[in-house]
Amino acid sequence: MYTDMEQWAEIRRRVLNGEISKRGACAEYEIHWNTLKKILTHTEPPGYRLTKTRVLKIDPFLPTIIEYLKSDKKTHRKQRHTTRKIFERLQKEHGFTGGITIVQDAVRELKQNSREVFLPLSHPPGEAQVDFGFADVLLNGELTKVALFVMTMPYSDAIFMQAFPRECTESFLEGHKRAFEFFGGVPKRISYDNSKIAVARFLGSRKRKVTTEFSRLKSHFLFEDHFCLVRRPNEKGHVERLLDFARRNFLVPVPAIDSLERLNEQLWQCCQEDLKRQLRGKPSAKQVLLIEEQSSMLPIPKQAFDAHRLAQANANSLSLVRFDKNSYSVPTKYAYRQITIVGTVDEVRLSFEDQLIARHKRHWGREQSFFDPVHYLGLLERKPGGFDHAKPLENWDLPVCFGILRRRMETELAEIGTREFIKVLRLLERYSITELKHAVQYALDIGVVNADAIRLILDYQQEVPSTVFCLDGRPHLKLVQVAQTNVSAYQSLLLGG
């Protein structure tokens, strides 16, 4: 028997060069005549070749296995068939008599053959891709999941990332606004998945009816949208790849921060540093390519874009308006009225008939109520008995002088003391807490415990003192000479009268 390629080549050389006969080769190398014929025919061993197709035990069961794997794509990944489960079902339901190893080989081969192959794409300058991801951060010592807005420019490979409390319309709009500022322009075309934030209704494989807020974003910045086919995230594979890169490089180890504003400052710097990298196959660093790409982008409009979401709701009997699972207070005179809500990532503004009536810091919890104590002072003036038990006034941290003023008023004015003190607090509807504090301190110093007097003190403090008319920049007025009036000249009028 021949054993290796070296012996194979030696037999061919000696026989074909006439150094040894075929019969002598069979005797010397102890090989069969048919083996010698094969050696002389092929320059290298051809390997084992089947003379007929071999049928394996698993072959009749392959359609069943394929059906199991197809059905798995429609179920949760933790409820899909394992190889052992497929093996057990084949035994019990279909009478399979083979071993589990042959089933494992068949499943592995089928999965390998079903893997999708993708076409490399070329991205022209001025196009972008957008996606949301998630990451954990230590926010004030508590492990918190945040939403990551990511926009990438495939031509230059630039990336921009910001963290928000939640994936929602407000963070979606604010993320675009910040990304355009970072890139120094607006991409002409942006690719998206089919998020409900942007898509209101499907009208075909590619055509979408977009949401009102997304239409407002497009109308302001004038870019063209492009939506991927359903379950085809590879169409925006660039942003998904860079999202994974940024998460591993910008957010490892888990950041420990006291606010998302601080985290976003760090992410902005990380994206700036990343622009210095030059990727394999790219002619220049990212920042050079981004500058080149900016000539293909749209300019940022001069008019600022307000990244907000509009909603409407009625204020209830407690003067609370519900927005995004939380309730925010308005002045009590607007109870039962329809309120327009403007929500941003930072604050909630409440309006009635185009008049701003309240603004609150945005809270991202659920089922909580947030009060402005000033909103309830008008009602408390009519019902002063509830002053000490009013929930909106709980934990209201007023300056010490306010407590002194209340005690004096309740002592000197008896029954109307509390109501008079509430009148003083109502001045916060027009003045700041600092301005009112100074007025109260002055009133206490001069022994005044009256709301009207404190209001007059405030008005006096707001008056701008008159100043001497300045002639700087008016040289022609300096030439005017006004003579001093001679008062004695008016004496002639008295004499004549």
Protein backbone atom coordinates (compact mmCIF):
# COMPACT_ATOMS: atom_id res chain seq x y z
CA MET A 1 0.00 0.00 0.00
CA TYR A 2 1.18 3.51 -0.77
CA THR A 3 1.28 5.65 2.39
CA ASP A 4 2.02 9.25 1.51
CA MET A 5 2.39 11.81 -1.23
CA GLU A 6 6.16 11.37 -1.31
CA GLN A 7 5.88 7.68 -2.18
CA TRP A 8 3.12 8.44 -4.70
CA ALA A 9 5.44 10.89 -6.54
CA GLU A 10 8.36 8.43 -6.41
CA ILE A 11 6.35 5.60 -8.02
CA ARG A 12 5.11 7.89 -10.79
CA ARG A 13 8.60 9.22 -11.49
CA ARG A 14 10.28 5.81 -11.68
CA VAL A 15 7.58 4.10 -13.77
CA LEU A 16 6.81 6.94 -16.17
CA ASN A 17 10.53 7.66 -16.71
CA GLY A 18 11.15 3.97 -17.55
CA GLU A 19 13.33 3.39 -14.52
CA ILE A 20 11.18 0.44 -13.41
CA SER A 21 8.47 -1.66 -15.01
CA LYS A 22 4.87 -1.68 -13.88
CA ARG A 23 5.14 -5.29 -12.70
CA GLY A 24 8.37 -4.46 -10.86
CA ALA A 25 6.69 -1.47 -9.17
CA CYS A 26 3.82 -3.65 -7.93
CA ALA A 27 6.30 -6.18 -6.50
CA GLU A 28 8.70 -3.63 -4.96
CA TYR A 29 6.10 -1.38 -3.37
CA GLU A 30 3.63 -4.20 -2.62
CA ILE A 31 0.69 -2.50 -4.28
CA HIS A 32 -2.17 -3.87 -6.37
CA TRP A 33 -2.23 -3.52 -10.13
CA ASN A 34 -5.38 -1.31 -9.93
CA THR A 35 -3.64 0.90 -7.37
CA LEU A 36 -0.70 1.35 -9.72
CA LYS A 37 -3.08 2.35 -12.53
CA LYS A 38 -4.59 5.00 -10.23
CA ILE A 39 -1.15 6.35 -9.29
CA LEU A 40 -0.11 6.67 -12.92
CA THR A 41 -3.41 8.34 -13.86
CA HIS A 42 -3.54 11.02 -11.09
CA THR A 43 -0.78 13.42 -10.12
CA GLU A 44 -1.92 13.21 -6.49
CA PRO A 45 -4.12 10.85 -4.49
CA PRO A 46 -7.75 11.61 -5.50
CA GLY A 47 -9.15 10.53 -2.14
CA TYR A 48 -12.07 8.27 -1.40
CA ARG A 49 -14.88 8.47 -3.95
CA LEU A 50 -18.33 7.01 -3.49
CA THR A 51 -19.50 4.84 -6.35
CA LYS A 52 -23.13 5.42 -5.32
CA THR A 53 -24.94 7.90 -3.10
CA ARG A 54 -24.97 6.91 0.55
CA VAL A 55 -28.29 7.31 2.35
CA LEU A 56 -27.98 8.17 6.05
CA LYS A 57 -30.50 7.25 8.72
CA ILE A 58 -31.21 10.93 9.32
CA ASP A 59 -32.02 11.82 5.68
CA PRO A 60 -35.77 10.92 5.77
CA PHE A 61 -36.15 13.09 8.89
CA LEU A 62 -34.44 16.24 7.54
CA PRO A 63 -37.73 17.90 6.38
CA THR A 64 -39.10 17.48 9.91
CA ILE A 65 -36.00 19.05 11.47
CA ILE A 66 -36.21 21.96 9.00
CA GLU A 67 -39.84 22.52 10.02
CA TYR A 68 -38.84 22.62 13.71
CA LEU A 69 -36.13 25.21 12.99
CA LYS A 70 -38.51 27.39 10.95
CA SER A 71 -41.13 27.42 13.70
CA ASP A 72 -38.44 28.42 16.23
CA LYS A 73 -37.93 31.73 14.42
CA LYS A 74 -41.45 32.81 15.47
CA THR A 75 -41.00 32.02 19.17
CA HIS A 76 -38.99 33.51 22.02
CA ARG A 77 -35.34 32.52 21.83
CA LYS A 78 -35.53 30.87 25.27
CA GLN A 79 -38.34 28.58 24.06
CA ARG A 80 -36.68 27.21 20.95
CA HIS A 81 -35.73 23.57 20.29
CA THR A 82 -32.44 22.32 21.60
CA THR A 83 -30.74 19.51 19.69
CA ARG A 84 -31.69 17.05 22.44
CA LYS A 85 -35.33 18.12 22.23
CA ILE A 86 -35.32 17.57 18.46
CA PHE A 87 -33.75 14.13 19.01
CA GLU A 88 -36.40 13.18 21.59
CA ARG A 89 -39.28 14.32 19.39
CA LEU A 90 -37.91 12.40 16.41
CA GLN A 91 -37.79 9.27 18.57
CA LYS A 92 -41.24 9.62 20.12
CA GLU A 93 -43.23 11.08 17.24
CA HIS A 94 -41.49 9.74 14.12
CA GLY A 95 -39.80 6.47 15.14
CA PHE A 96 -36.21 7.61 14.62
CA THR A 97 -33.76 4.86 15.67
CA GLY A 98 -30.43 6.61 15.18
CA GLY A 99 -28.20 8.27 17.79
CA ILE A 100 -28.11 11.85 19.00
CA THR A 101 -24.72 12.53 17.36
CA ILE A 102 -26.10 12.21 13.85
CA VAL A 103 -28.94 14.57 14.80
CA GLN A 104 -26.43 17.12 16.14
CA ASP A 105 -24.45 16.97 12.89
CA ALA A 106 -27.62 17.47 10.82
CA VAL A 107 -28.84 20.44 12.89
CA ARG A 108 -25.41 22.09 12.76
CA GLU A 109 -25.26 21.69 8.97
CA LEU A 110 -28.79 23.03 8.46
CA LYS A 111 -28.14 26.11 10.63
CA GLN A 112 -24.87 26.77 8.84
CA ASN A 113 -26.54 26.60 5.42
CA SER A 114 -29.38 28.91 6.54
CA ARG A 115 -27.12 31.76 7.68
CA GLU A 116 -27.68 34.85 5.55
CA VAL A 117 -24.83 36.31 3.50
CA PHE A 118 -24.74 40.09 3.14
CA LEU A 119 -23.56 42.32 0.33
CA PRO A 120 -20.92 44.95 1.15
CA LEU A 121 -22.42 48.42 0.65
CA SER A 122 -20.91 51.71 -0.47
CA HIS A 123 -22.10 54.81 1.42
CA PRO A 124 -21.96 58.23 -0.27
CA PRO A 125 -21.08 61.25 1.88
CA GLY A 126 -23.90 63.09 3.62
CA GLU A 127 -25.92 60.04 4.70
CA ALA A 128 -26.56 58.92 8.29
CA GLN A 129 -28.07 56.06 10.28
CA VAL A 130 -29.94 56.27 13.60
CA ASP A 131 -30.67 53.69 16.28
CA PHE A 132 -31.41 53.32 19.99
CA GLY A 133 -29.57 51.00 22.37
CA PHE A 134 -29.46 50.49 26.12
CA ALA A 135 -26.80 50.42 28.81
CA ASP A 136 -26.47 50.34 32.60
CA VAL A 137 -24.98 53.21 34.59
CA LEU A 138 -24.55 53.90 38.30
CA LEU A 139 -26.72 57.00 38.70
CA ASN A 140 -26.30 58.43 42.22
CA GLY A 141 -25.17 55.00 43.40
CA GLU A 142 -28.14 53.12 41.90
CA LEU A 143 -27.82 50.81 38.88
CA THR A 144 -30.02 52.40 36.21
CA LYS A 145 -30.80 51.44 32.62
CA VAL A 146 -30.55 54.36 30.18
CA ALA A 147 -31.47 54.68 26.51
CA LEU A 148 -28.64 55.48 24.11
CA PHE A 149 -29.41 57.60 21.05
CA VAL A 150 -26.81 56.94 18.35
CA MET A 151 -26.29 58.58 14.95
CA THR A 152 -23.44 57.54 12.64
CA MET A 153 -22.07 58.82 9.33
CA PRO A 154 -20.99 55.71 7.35
CA TYR A 155 -18.79 57.62 4.90
CA SER A 156 -16.53 59.12 7.58
CA ASP A 157 -17.38 56.48 10.22
CA ALA A 158 -18.11 59.28 12.73
CA ILE A 159 -20.36 58.44 15.66
CA PHE A 160 -22.43 60.53 18.09
CA MET A 161 -24.03 59.11 21.25
CA GLN A 162 -26.16 60.59 24.05
CA ALA A 163 -27.91 58.98 27.03
CA PHE A 164 -31.55 59.64 27.97
CA PRO A 165 -33.80 58.30 30.72
CA ARG A 166 -36.05 56.55 28.21
CA GLU A 167 -36.52 55.89 24.50
CA CYS A 168 -39.34 58.29 23.65
CA THR A 169 -40.31 61.10 21.29
CA GLU A 170 -38.58 63.80 23.34
CA SER A 171 -35.24 61.98 23.51
CA PHE A 172 -35.53 61.04 19.81
CA LEU A 173 -35.96 64.70 18.79
CA GLU A 174 -33.35 66.04 21.23
CA GLY A 175 -30.87 63.40 20.06
CA HIS A 176 -31.17 64.59 16.45
CA LYS A 177 -30.74 68.21 17.48
CA ARG A 178 -27.53 67.48 19.40
CA ALA A 179 -26.18 65.16 16.69
CA PHE A 180 -26.54 67.82 13.98
CA GLU A 181 -24.65 70.29 16.19
CA PHE A 182 -21.88 67.72 16.75
CA PHE A 183 -21.48 66.84 13.05
CA GLY A 184 -21.68 70.49 11.96
CA GLY A 185 -24.52 69.92 9.51
CA VAL A 186 -27.66 67.96 8.67
CA PRO A 187 -27.36 64.69 6.70
CA LYS A 188 -29.34 64.71 3.45
CA ARG A 189 -30.67 61.20 4.08
CA ILE A 190 -31.11 59.29 7.36
CA SER A 191 -31.96 55.59 7.71
CA TYR A 192 -34.20 54.30 10.53
CA ASP A 193 -35.81 51.13 11.76
CA ASN A 194 -39.59 51.00 12.15
CA SER A 195 -39.93 52.44 15.65
CA LYS A 196 -43.37 53.70 16.73
CA ILE A 197 -41.71 57.00 17.61
CA ALA A 198 -41.29 57.73 13.89
CA VAL A 199 -43.78 55.42 12.13
CA ALA A 200 -47.51 55.94 12.57
CA ARG A 201 -48.66 53.44 9.92
CA PHE A 202 -47.21 51.07 7.30
CA LEU A 203 -48.30 51.84 3.73
CA GLY A 204 -46.13 49.26 1.93
CA SER A 205 -42.78 47.52 2.07
CA ARG A 206 -40.93 50.85 2.09
CA LYS A 207 -43.56 53.58 2.36
CA ARG A 208 -44.51 54.84 5.83
CA LYS A 209 -46.89 57.41 7.28
CA VAL A 210 -44.74 59.13 9.89
CA THR A 211 -45.81 60.63 13.21
CA THR A 212 -46.63 64.31 13.61
CA GLU A 213 -43.54 65.06 15.70
CA PHE A 214 -41.24 63.29 13.23
CA SER A 215 -42.82 65.29 10.40
CA ARG A 216 -42.07 68.47 12.36
CA LEU A 217 -38.42 67.38 12.72
CA LYS A 218 -38.14 66.69 8.97
CA SER A 219 -39.84 69.95 8.05
CA HIS A 220 -37.41 71.95 10.19
CA PHE A 221 -34.16 70.28 9.10
CA LEU A 222 -35.26 69.26 5.55
CA PHE A 223 -33.61 65.81 5.46
CA GLU A 224 -34.98 62.75 3.64
CA ASP A 225 -35.94 59.66 5.64
CA HIS A 226 -35.33 56.03 4.69
CA PHE A 227 -36.96 53.14 6.56
CA CYS A 228 -35.52 49.62 6.59
CA LEU A 229 -37.59 46.62 5.62
CA VAL A 230 -39.24 44.86 8.55
CA ARG A 231 -36.80 42.52 10.34
CA ARG A 232 -33.91 43.69 8.13
CA PRO A 233 -31.64 45.53 10.60
CA ASN A 234 -28.65 44.78 8.34
CA GLU A 235 -29.81 47.70 6.16
CA LYS A 236 -28.49 49.98 8.89
CA GLY A 237 -25.74 47.66 10.04
CA HIS A 238 -23.20 50.49 10.31
CA VAL A 239 -24.96 52.16 13.25
CA GLU A 240 -25.59 48.82 14.98
CA ARG A 241 -21.91 47.89 14.68
CA LEU A 242 -20.72 51.26 16.01
CA LEU A 243 -23.32 51.15 18.79
CA ASP A 244 -21.72 47.94 20.06
CA PHE A 245 -18.26 49.51 19.67
CA ALA A 246 -19.23 52.64 21.62
CA ARG A 247 -20.91 50.67 24.38
CA ARG A 248 -17.78 48.56 24.90
CA ASN A 249 -15.34 51.47 24.68
CA PHE A 250 -17.24 54.45 26.12
CA LEU A 251 -19.26 52.74 28.87
CA VAL A 252 -16.85 50.15 30.28
CA PRO A 253 -16.42 50.04 33.21
CA VAL A 254 -19.97 51.02 34.19
CA PRO A 255 -19.90 54.84 34.62
CA ALA A 256 -20.63 56.17 38.12
CA ILE A 257 -22.23 59.61 37.66
CA ASP A 258 -24.49 62.00 39.56
CA SER A 259 -26.55 63.16 36.55
CA LEU A 260 -27.19 62.27 32.92
CA GLU A 261 -25.99 65.76 31.96
CA ARG A 262 -22.55 64.83 33.30
CA LEU A 263 -22.62 61.48 31.47
CA ASN A 264 -23.55 63.17 28.19
CA GLU A 265 -20.63 65.57 28.55
CA GLN A 266 -18.34 62.55 28.87
CA LEU A 267 -19.94 60.83 25.86
CA TRP A 268 -19.53 64.01 23.79
CA GLN A 269 -15.80 64.03 24.63
CA CYS A 270 -15.49 60.32 23.80
CA CYS A 271 -17.04 60.92 20.38
CA GLN A 272 -14.64 63.82 19.82
CA GLU A 273 -11.64 61.64 20.72
CA ASP A 274 -12.91 58.86 18.43
CA LEU A 275 -12.73 61.26 15.46
CA LYS A 276 -8.93 61.12 15.71
CA ARG A 277 -8.85 57.43 14.75
CA GLN A 278 -8.02 56.28 11.23
CA LEU A 279 -9.64 53.01 10.25
CA ARG A 280 -8.10 50.28 8.13
CA GLY A 281 -8.88 50.93 4.47
CA LYS A 282 -9.74 54.62 5.03
CA PRO A 283 -7.51 57.29 3.42
CA SER A 284 -7.61 59.68 6.40
CA ALA A 285 -8.68 60.04 10.02
CA LYS A 286 -12.39 60.30 10.79
CA GLN A 287 -12.29 64.03 11.52
CA VAL A 288 -10.70 64.77 8.12
CA LEU A 289 -13.33 62.69 6.33
CA LEU A 290 -16.10 64.36 8.37
CA ILE A 291 -14.89 67.81 7.29
CA GLU A 292 -14.89 66.57 3.71
CA GLU A 293 -18.39 65.12 4.23
CA GLN A 294 -19.81 68.39 5.58
CA SER A 295 -19.83 69.83 2.06
CA SER A 296 -22.46 67.21 1.18
CA MET A 297 -24.63 67.99 4.22
CA LEU A 298 -27.41 70.53 4.69
CA PRO A 299 -26.79 73.63 6.83
CA ILE A 300 -28.30 73.78 10.31
CA PRO A 301 -31.27 76.23 10.25
CA LYS A 302 -30.68 79.50 12.08
CA GLN A 303 -34.02 79.18 13.86
CA ALA A 304 -33.63 76.91 16.89
CA PHE A 305 -35.60 73.66 16.99
CA ASP A 306 -37.68 73.00 20.11
CA ALA A 307 -37.41 69.25 20.76
CA HIS A 308 -40.72 68.68 22.51
CA ARG A 309 -43.85 66.55 22.49
CA LEU A 310 -47.30 68.18 22.59
CA ALA A 311 -50.25 66.76 24.47
CA GLN A 312 -53.52 67.95 25.99
CA ALA A 313 -55.25 66.98 29.23
CA ASN A 314 -57.80 68.39 31.66
CA ALA A 315 -56.67 69.59 35.07
CA ASN A 316 -58.55 67.62 37.74
CA SER A 317 -60.18 68.80 40.97
CA LEU A 318 -56.74 68.84 42.66
CA SER A 319 -55.35 71.16 39.95
CA LEU A 320 -53.15 68.34 38.65
CA VAL A 321 -52.49 67.56 34.98
CA ARG A 322 -51.35 64.07 34.01
CA PHE A 323 -48.52 63.65 31.52
CA ASP A 324 -46.45 60.54 30.84
CA LYS A 325 -47.79 58.63 33.89
CA ASN A 326 -47.02 61.55 36.29
CA SER A 327 -49.11 64.50 37.51
CA TYR A 328 -48.01 68.16 37.58
CA SER A 329 -49.75 71.06 39.32
CA VAL A 330 -51.24 74.23 37.80
CA PRO A 331 -52.74 77.26 39.62
CA THR A 332 -56.09 76.30 41.17
CA LYS A 333 -58.05 78.73 39.01
CA TYR A 334 -57.30 76.44 36.03
CA ALA A 335 -58.88 73.34 37.61
CA TYR A 336 -61.19 71.49 35.20
CA ARG A 337 -59.74 73.43 32.24
CA GLN A 338 -58.11 71.83 29.22
CA ILE A 339 -54.35 72.36 29.46
CA THR A 340 -51.79 72.17 26.65
CA ILE A 341 -48.67 70.25 27.69
CA VAL A 342 -45.23 70.76 26.16
CA GLY A 343 -42.83 68.03 27.29
CA THR A 344 -39.05 68.09 26.72
CA VAL A 345 -36.30 65.94 28.19
CA ASP A 346 -35.68 68.59 30.86
CA GLU A 347 -39.01 70.18 31.73
CA VAL A 348 -42.79 70.15 31.40
CA ARG A 349 -44.49 73.42 30.38
CA LEU A 350 -48.24 73.85 30.93
CA SER A 351 -50.28 76.44 29.01
CA PHE A 352 -53.87 77.62 28.86
CA GLU A 353 -55.07 79.52 25.79
CA ASP A 354 -51.51 80.37 24.67
CA GLN A 355 -50.55 81.59 28.16
CA LEU A 356 -47.78 79.80 30.05
CA ILE A 357 -49.23 79.04 33.49
CA ALA A 358 -46.73 76.58 34.98
CA ARG A 359 -43.42 74.85 34.37
CA HIS A 360 -41.91 71.87 36.20
CA LYS A 361 -38.70 69.91 36.03
CA ARG A 362 -39.30 66.71 34.01
CA HIS A 363 -39.53 63.57 36.13
CA TRP A 364 -39.07 60.11 34.65
CA GLY A 365 -40.64 57.98 37.36
CA ARG A 366 -44.24 56.77 37.30
CA GLU A 367 -47.43 57.55 39.20
CA GLN A 368 -46.01 60.47 41.16
CA SER A 369 -47.43 63.96 41.78
CA PHE A 370 -45.33 67.12 41.70
CA PHE A 371 -46.62 70.32 43.27
CA ASP A 372 -45.65 73.97 43.12
CA PRO A 373 -46.85 75.37 46.50
CA VAL A 374 -47.47 78.80 44.97
CA HIS A 375 -50.20 77.29 42.75
CA TYR A 376 -52.38 76.60 45.82
CA LEU A 377 -51.99 79.87 47.74
CA GLY A 378 -55.02 81.50 46.10
CA LEU A 379 -57.22 78.63 47.30
CA LEU A 380 -55.64 78.66 50.78
CA GLU A 381 -56.34 82.37 51.14
CA ARG A 382 -60.05 81.49 51.00
CA LYS A 383 -59.54 78.38 53.16
CA PRO A 384 -56.73 79.29 55.59
CA GLY A 385 -57.70 76.48 57.95
CA GLY A 386 -56.04 73.97 55.62
CA PHE A 387 -52.70 75.78 55.55
CA ASP A 388 -50.90 73.44 57.98
CA HIS A 389 -52.30 70.27 56.37
CA ALA A 390 -51.98 71.11 52.66
CA LYS A 391 -49.97 68.40 50.88
CA PRO A 392 -48.54 70.79 48.25
CA LEU A 393 -46.90 72.75 51.09
CA GLU A 394 -45.24 69.72 52.69
CA ASN A 395 -41.46 70.11 52.94
CA TRP A 396 -41.64 73.66 51.55
CA ASP A 397 -38.30 75.04 52.68
CA LEU A 398 -38.96 78.75 53.33
CA PRO A 399 -36.38 81.15 54.83
CA VAL A 400 -36.40 81.49 58.64
CA CYS A 401 -37.71 85.08 58.48
CA PHE A 402 -41.00 83.80 57.02
CA GLY A 403 -41.66 81.74 60.14
CA ILE A 404 -40.94 84.75 62.36
CA LEU A 405 -43.32 86.90 60.28
CA ARG A 406 -46.11 84.31 60.57
CA ARG A 407 -45.83 84.09 64.36
CA ARG A 408 -45.94 87.87 64.70
CA MET A 409 -48.94 88.14 62.37
CA GLU A 410 -50.89 85.43 64.17
CA THR A 411 -50.06 87.10 67.51
CA GLU A 412 -50.86 90.69 66.58
CA LEU A 413 -53.65 90.11 64.03
CA ALA A 414 -55.30 87.17 65.84
CA GLU A 415 -57.85 85.38 63.59
CA ILE A 416 -56.81 87.02 60.33
CA GLY A 417 -53.09 86.45 60.95
CA THR A 418 -52.82 83.24 58.94
CA ARG A 419 -54.78 84.71 56.03
CA GLU A 420 -52.56 87.81 56.08
CA PHE A 421 -49.46 85.60 56.02
CA ILE A 422 -50.85 83.73 53.00
CA LYS A 423 -51.30 87.10 51.26
CA VAL A 424 -47.59 87.72 51.79
CA LEU A 425 -46.75 84.32 50.28
CA ARG A 426 -48.94 85.10 47.28
CA LEU A 427 -46.47 87.83 46.39
CA LEU A 428 -44.35 84.92 45.11
CA GLU A 429 -46.71 84.85 42.14
CA ARG A 430 -45.02 88.07 40.99
CA TYR A 431 -41.66 88.16 42.74
CA SER A 432 -38.82 85.73 43.38
CA ILE A 433 -38.23 84.10 46.77
CA THR A 434 -35.02 86.13 47.16
CA GLU A 435 -36.78 89.45 46.53
CA LEU A 436 -39.59 88.59 48.96
CA LYS A 437 -37.09 87.43 51.59
CA HIS A 438 -35.35 90.83 51.55
CA ALA A 439 -38.69 92.64 51.83
CA VAL A 440 -39.80 90.46 54.77
CA GLN A 441 -36.52 91.02 56.58
CA TYR A 442 -36.84 94.80 56.10
CA ALA A 443 -40.46 94.72 57.32
CA LEU A 444 -39.44 92.84 60.47
CA ASP A 445 -36.65 95.34 61.10
CA ILE A 446 -39.06 98.31 61.02
CA GLY A 447 -41.80 96.43 62.89
CA VAL A 448 -44.30 96.10 60.01
CA VAL A 449 -46.54 92.98 59.93
CA ASN A 450 -48.92 93.86 57.12
CA ALA A 451 -49.15 92.26 53.64
CA ASP A 452 -49.88 95.55 51.87
CA ALA A 453 -46.89 97.20 53.51
CA ILE A 454 -44.60 94.38 52.41
CA ARG A 455 -45.96 94.72 48.86
CA LEU A 456 -45.09 98.44 48.91
CA ILE A 457 -41.58 97.60 50.12
CA LEU A 458 -41.21 95.20 47.19
CA ASP A 459 -42.44 97.80 44.72
CA TYR A 460 -40.01 100.34 46.14
CA GLN A 461 -37.13 97.86 45.83
CA GLN A 462 -38.05 97.35 42.16
CA GLU A 463 -37.89 101.06 41.28
CA VAL A 464 -34.90 102.09 39.18
CA PRO A 465 -33.22 105.23 40.61
CA SER A 466 -32.99 108.19 38.24
CA THR A 467 -29.57 109.13 36.95
CA VAL A 468 -27.97 112.32 35.54
CA PHE A 469 -28.42 112.60 31.80
CA CYS A 470 -25.17 111.48 30.15
CA LEU A 471 -23.71 113.58 27.31
CA ASP A 472 -21.21 110.91 26.19
CA GLY A 473 -21.58 110.33 22.46
CA ARG A 474 -23.61 113.54 22.05
CA PRO A 475 -21.00 116.29 21.34
CA HIS A 476 -23.58 118.63 19.77
CA LEU A 477 -25.47 118.84 23.09
CA LYS A 478 -22.32 119.94 24.92
CA LEU A 479 -22.35 123.17 22.84
CA VAL A 480 -25.74 124.21 24.19
CA GLN A 481 -25.52 126.81 26.96
CA VAL A 482 -28.58 127.40 29.15
CA ALA A 483 -28.48 130.64 31.12
CA GLN A 484 -29.42 130.68 34.78
CA THR A 485 -32.97 131.92 35.35
CA ASN A 486 -33.36 135.33 36.98
CA VAL A 487 -36.17 134.81 39.46
CA SER A 488 -36.50 138.53 40.22
CA ALA A 489 -37.83 139.09 36.73
CA TYR A 490 -41.13 137.51 37.80
CA GLN A 491 -41.58 140.28 40.39
CA SER A 492 -42.78 142.61 37.62
CA LEU A 493 -45.80 140.38 37.15
CA LEU A 494 -46.81 140.91 40.75
CA LEU A 495 -46.42 144.65 40.47
CA GLY A 496 -48.50 144.79 37.33
CA GLY A 497 -51.23 142.70 38.97
